[in-house]
Protein backbone atom coordinates (compact mmCIF):
# COMPACT_ATOMS: atom_id res chain seq x y z
CA MET A 1 -15.30 6.93 -5.25
CA GLU A 2 -11.32 7.39 -5.38
CA ASP A 3 -10.13 4.34 -3.90
CA ASN A 4 -10.98 1.35 -1.91
CA LYS A 5 -9.36 -1.40 0.15
CA MET A 6 -10.63 -4.28 1.78
CA SER A 7 -8.24 -5.87 4.72
CA ASN A 8 -8.38 -7.43 7.81
CA ASP A 9 -6.41 -5.38 10.12
CA PHE A 10 -7.23 -4.83 13.95
CA PHE A 11 -7.68 -1.56 16.09
CA THR A 12 -7.86 -1.18 19.46
CA PHE A 13 -10.51 1.84 21.03
CA VAL A 14 -11.16 3.16 24.40
CA ASP A 15 -14.61 3.66 25.23
CA GLU A 16 -15.99 6.56 27.49
CA GLU A 17 -15.69 4.33 30.63
CA GLY A 18 -11.93 3.65 29.97
CA ASN A 19 -12.93 -0.01 28.47
CA GLU A 20 -10.41 -1.30 25.46
CA ILE A 21 -12.19 -2.55 22.43
CA VAL A 22 -10.86 -4.44 19.60
CA PHE A 23 -12.38 -4.13 15.90
CA GLU A 24 -11.34 -5.75 13.00
CA LEU A 25 -11.10 -3.65 9.90
CA ILE A 26 -13.55 -4.85 7.08
CA GLY A 27 -13.70 -2.19 4.20
CA GLN A 28 -11.86 0.96 3.82
CA CYS A 29 -12.79 3.59 1.07
CA GLU A 30 -12.24 7.32 0.02
CA LEU A 31 -15.48 9.03 -0.87
CA LYS A 32 -15.42 12.76 -1.69
CA GLY A 33 -12.01 13.42 -0.06
CA ASN A 34 -12.73 11.40 2.90
CA THR A 35 -11.32 8.31 4.28
CA TYR A 36 -14.10 5.56 5.87
CA PHE A 37 -13.72 2.64 7.55
CA ALA A 38 -16.08 -0.44 7.99
CA MET A 39 -15.22 -2.40 11.02
CA ILE A 40 -16.88 -5.25 13.40
CA PRO A 41 -15.86 -6.34 16.91
CA ALA A 42 -13.07 -8.53 16.68
CA GLY A 43 -14.21 -12.07 17.57
CA SER A 44 -17.90 -11.70 16.15
CA ASP A 45 -19.06 -14.64 14.90
CA ASP A 46 -21.69 -14.09 12.09
CA ASN A 47 -22.27 -18.01 11.20
CA GLY A 48 -21.48 -16.96 7.75
CA GLU A 49 -24.39 -14.32 7.30
CA PHE A 50 -24.23 -10.53 6.88
CA CYS A 51 -23.57 -8.96 10.59
CA GLU A 52 -23.96 -5.20 11.33
CA TYR A 53 -20.80 -2.96 11.29
CA ASN A 54 -19.31 -0.07 12.84
CA ILE A 55 -18.52 3.02 10.18
CA LEU A 56 -15.71 5.47 11.52
CA LYS A 57 -14.33 8.40 9.56
CA LEU A 58 -10.44 9.41 9.61
CA ALA A 59 -10.27 13.04 10.97
CA ILE A 60 -7.41 15.25 11.60
CA GLU A 61 -7.55 16.86 15.56
CA ASP A 62 -4.71 18.72 16.50
CA GLY A 63 -2.57 17.33 13.99
CA GLU A 64 -3.16 13.87 14.37
CA GLU A 65 -5.19 11.50 12.82
CA VAL A 66 -8.09 9.83 15.07
CA TYR A 67 -10.97 7.88 13.67
CA VAL A 68 -14.71 9.67 14.83
CA THR A 69 -18.41 8.58 14.10
CA ILE A 70 -20.10 10.34 11.37
CA ASP A 71 -22.66 12.78 12.81
CA ASP A 72 -23.99 14.17 9.42
CA ASP A 73 -27.11 12.02 8.41
CA ASP A 74 -26.81 12.38 4.69
CA GLU A 75 -22.91 11.75 4.92
CA PHE A 76 -23.47 8.41 6.95
CA ASP A 77 -25.99 7.51 4.60
CA MET A 78 -23.97 7.65 1.48
CA VAL A 79 -20.77 6.14 3.41
CA ALA A 80 -23.29 3.08 4.51
CA ASP A 81 -24.93 2.81 0.67
CA TYR A 82 -21.31 2.27 -0.44
CA PHE A 83 -20.18 -0.41 2.04
CA ASP A 84 -23.71 -1.84 1.65
CA ASP A 85 -23.22 -2.38 -2.07
CA LEU A 86 -19.86 -3.13 -1.57
CA PHE A 87 -20.25 -6.06 0.66
CA SER A 88 -23.33 -7.52 -1.16
CA GLU A 89 -21.01 -7.92 -4.34
CA GLU A 90 -18.91 -10.18 -2.21
CA ILE A 91 -21.78 -12.40 -1.24
CA ASP A 92 -21.37 -15.64 -3.44
CA TYR A 93 -25.27 -16.69 -3.15
CA ASP A 94 -24.70 -19.54 -5.39
CA ALA A 95 -21.88 -20.93 -2.86
CA THR A 96 -24.43 -20.41 -0.02
CA GLU A 97 -27.30 -22.16 -1.61
CA GLU A 98 -24.95 -25.36 -2.52
CA ASP A 99 -23.64 -25.28 1.22
CA THR A 100 -27.50 -25.37 2.41
CA THR A 101 -28.61 -28.46 0.63
CA LYS A 102 -25.82 -30.75 1.46
């Protein structure tokens, strides 16, 4: 775990059908020499609850940086575990409990 950043940047990707989809970056980290990104669709309304996120890996293809999905199950599990731990540390359960008792 060399470096991690939390930021709220937006990325636009084009799916297989040519549709543009905007994602919000919710986490970034470097593990074992690779850079990974956790993203949610922009405008996702999680109502204060944990929501699912997508994980992409930064790769170099034809000399250009591209974002790719992770095909290796072990690699994906390692990165997902890292982000799950990171995001669970950010949740203030005491504040959530107080908000629900008001």
